[in-house]
C-alpha atoms as a PDB file:
ATOM      1  CA  MET A   1     -98.181  -5.966 -70.258  1.00  0.00           C
ATOM      2  CA  GLN A   2     -95.946  -2.911 -70.579  1.00  0.00           C
ATOM      3  CA  ASP A   3     -93.706  -4.782 -73.004  1.00  0.00           C
ATOM      4  CA  GLU A   4     -96.715  -5.590 -75.187  1.00  0.00           C
ATOM      5  CA  ASP A   5     -97.898  -1.976 -75.106  1.00  0.00           C
ATOM      6  CA  GLU A   6     -94.432  -0.702 -75.928  1.00  0.00           C
ATOM      7  CA  HIS A   7     -94.071  -3.205 -78.744  1.00  0.00           C
ATOM      8  CA  ARG A   8     -97.472  -2.180 -80.135  1.00  0.00           C
ATOM      9  CA  ARG A   9     -96.530   1.516 -79.982  1.00  0.00           C
ATOM     10  CA  GLU A  10     -93.212   0.834 -81.722  1.00  0.00           C
ATOM     11  CA  ARG A  11     -94.944  -1.249 -84.386  1.00  0.00           C
ATOM     12  CA  ASP A  12     -97.591   1.428 -84.921  1.00  0.00           C
ATOM     13  CA  ALA A  13     -94.912   4.118 -85.187  1.00  0.00           C
ATOM     14  CA  ALA A  14     -92.955   2.024 -87.701  1.00  0.00           C
ATOM     15  CA  GLU A  15     -96.099   1.433 -89.769  1.00  0.00           C
ATOM     16  CA  ALA A  16     -96.942   5.147 -89.713  1.00  0.00           C
ATOM     17  CA  GLU A  17     -93.414   5.996 -90.849  1.00  0.00           C
ATOM     18  CA  ALA A  18     -93.644   3.420 -93.655  1.00  0.00           C
ATOM     19  CA  ARG A  19     -96.962   4.940 -94.801  1.00  0.00           C
ATOM     20  CA  ARG A  20     -95.453   8.440 -94.721  1.00  0.00           C
ATOM     21  CA  LEU A  21     -92.454   7.325 -96.781  1.00  0.00           C
ATOM     22  CA  GLU A  22     -94.710   5.541 -99.275  1.00  0.00           C
ATOM     23  CA  LEU A  23     -96.832   8.670 -99.708  1.00  0.00           C
ATOM     24  CA  GLU A  24     -93.686  10.737-100.274  1.00  0.00           C
ATOM     25  CA  ARG A  25     -92.528   8.215-102.882  1.00  0.00           C
ATOM     26  CA  LEU A  26     -95.914   8.300-104.619  1.00  0.00           C
ATOM     27  CA  GLU A  27     -95.784  12.086-104.821  1.00  0.00           C
ATOM     28  CA  THR A  28     -92.614  11.862-106.915  1.00  0.00           C
ATOM     29  CA  LEU A  29     -94.196   9.590-109.541  1.00  0.00           C
ATOM     30  CA  PRO A  30     -95.825  10.776-112.757  1.00  0.00           C
ATOM     31  CA  ILE A  31     -99.593  10.960-112.324  1.00  0.00           C
ATOM     32  CA  GLU A  32    -100.280   7.796-114.378  1.00  0.00           C
ATOM     33  CA  GLU A  33     -97.869   5.718-112.284  1.00  0.00           C
ATOM     34  CA  ARG A  34     -99.203   7.236-109.098  1.00  0.00           C
ATOM     35  CA  MET A  35    -102.764   6.363-110.065  1.00  0.00           C
ATOM     36  CA  ALA A  36    -101.735   2.808-110.996  1.00  0.00           C
ATOM     37  CA  ALA A  37     -99.949   2.393-107.645  1.00  0.00           C
ATOM     38  CA  LEU A  38    -102.975   3.688-105.749  1.00  0.00           C
ATOM     39  CA  LEU A  39    -105.295   1.363-107.665  1.00  0.00           C
ATOM     40  CA  ARG A  40    -103.033  -1.599-106.779  1.00  0.00           C
ATOM     41  CA  ARG A  41    -103.134  -0.592-103.125  1.00  0.00           C
ATOM     42  CA  MET A  42    -106.926  -0.327-103.275  1.00  0.00           C
ATOM     43  CA  ALA A  43    -107.154  -3.820-104.801  1.00  0.00           C
ATOM     44  CA  GLU A  44    -104.868  -5.211-102.075  1.00  0.00           C
ATOM     45  CA  PHE A  45    -106.977  -3.552 -99.390  1.00  0.00           C
ATOM     46  CA  GLN A  46    -110.183  -4.901-100.947  1.00  0.00           C
ATOM     47  CA  ALA A  47    -108.711  -8.422-101.019  1.00  0.00           C
ATOM     48  CA  GLU A  48    -107.805  -8.153 -97.325  1.00  0.00           C
ATOM     49  CA  LEU A  49    -111.271  -6.854 -96.532  1.00  0.00           C
ATOM     50  CA  ASN A  50    -112.889  -9.686 -98.481  1.00  0.00           C
ATOM     51  CA  ASP A  51    -110.791 -12.133 -96.464  1.00  0.00           C
ATOM     52  CA  LEU A  52    -111.730 -10.559 -93.126  1.00  0.00           C
ATOM     53  CA  LEU A  53    -115.473 -10.100 -93.650  1.00  0.00           C
ATOM     54  CA  PRO A  54    -116.387 -13.801 -93.348  1.00  0.00           C
ATOM     55  CA  ARG A  55    -114.354 -14.016 -90.135  1.00  0.00           C
ATOM     56  CA  VAL A  56    -116.171 -11.023 -88.660  1.00  0.00           C
ATOM     57  CA  ALA A  57    -119.520 -12.414 -89.794  1.00  0.00           C
ATOM     58  CA  ALA A  58    -118.690 -15.710 -88.086  1.00  0.00           C
ATOM     59  CA  ILE A  59    -118.126 -13.836 -84.822  1.00  0.00           C
ATOM     60  CA  ASP A  60    -121.059 -11.440 -85.210  1.00  0.00           C
ATOM     61  CA  PRO A  61    -123.528 -12.296 -88.006  1.00  0.00           C
ATOM     62  CA  ASP A  62    -125.118  -8.836 -87.687  1.00  0.00           C
ATOM     63  CA  ALA A  63    -121.775  -7.153 -88.445  1.00  0.00           C
ATOM     64  CA  ARG A  64    -121.960  -7.830 -92.182  1.00  0.00           C
ATOM     65  CA  ASP A  65    -122.809  -4.687 -94.106  1.00  0.00           C
ATOM     66  CA  ASP A  66    -124.055  -5.224 -97.640  1.00  0.00           C
ATOM     67  CA  GLY A  67    -124.469  -1.522 -98.290  1.00  0.00           C
ATOM     68  CA  PRO A  68    -126.947   1.167 -97.339  1.00  0.00           C
ATOM     69  CA  THR A  69    -130.359   0.098 -96.191  1.00  0.00           C
ATOM     70  CA  PRO A  70    -133.162   1.136 -98.543  1.00  0.00           C
ATOM     71  CA  GLY A  71    -135.543   3.665 -97.248  1.00  0.00           C
END
């Protein structure tokens, strides 16, 4: 159990460092390239989300959120 926790902490720390380095790299880009890179990342995130939503809905049908409820 400790090995799993330690591995998870190391993985999380490595991912956080990778995000920090990516943000630093983005800050050095011209604004147009930075915006394009951020839009690509958003599209990748949306694709992952679209892939995960049906899995979550299969586990918990009430978990699907199609937006704000009217009212």
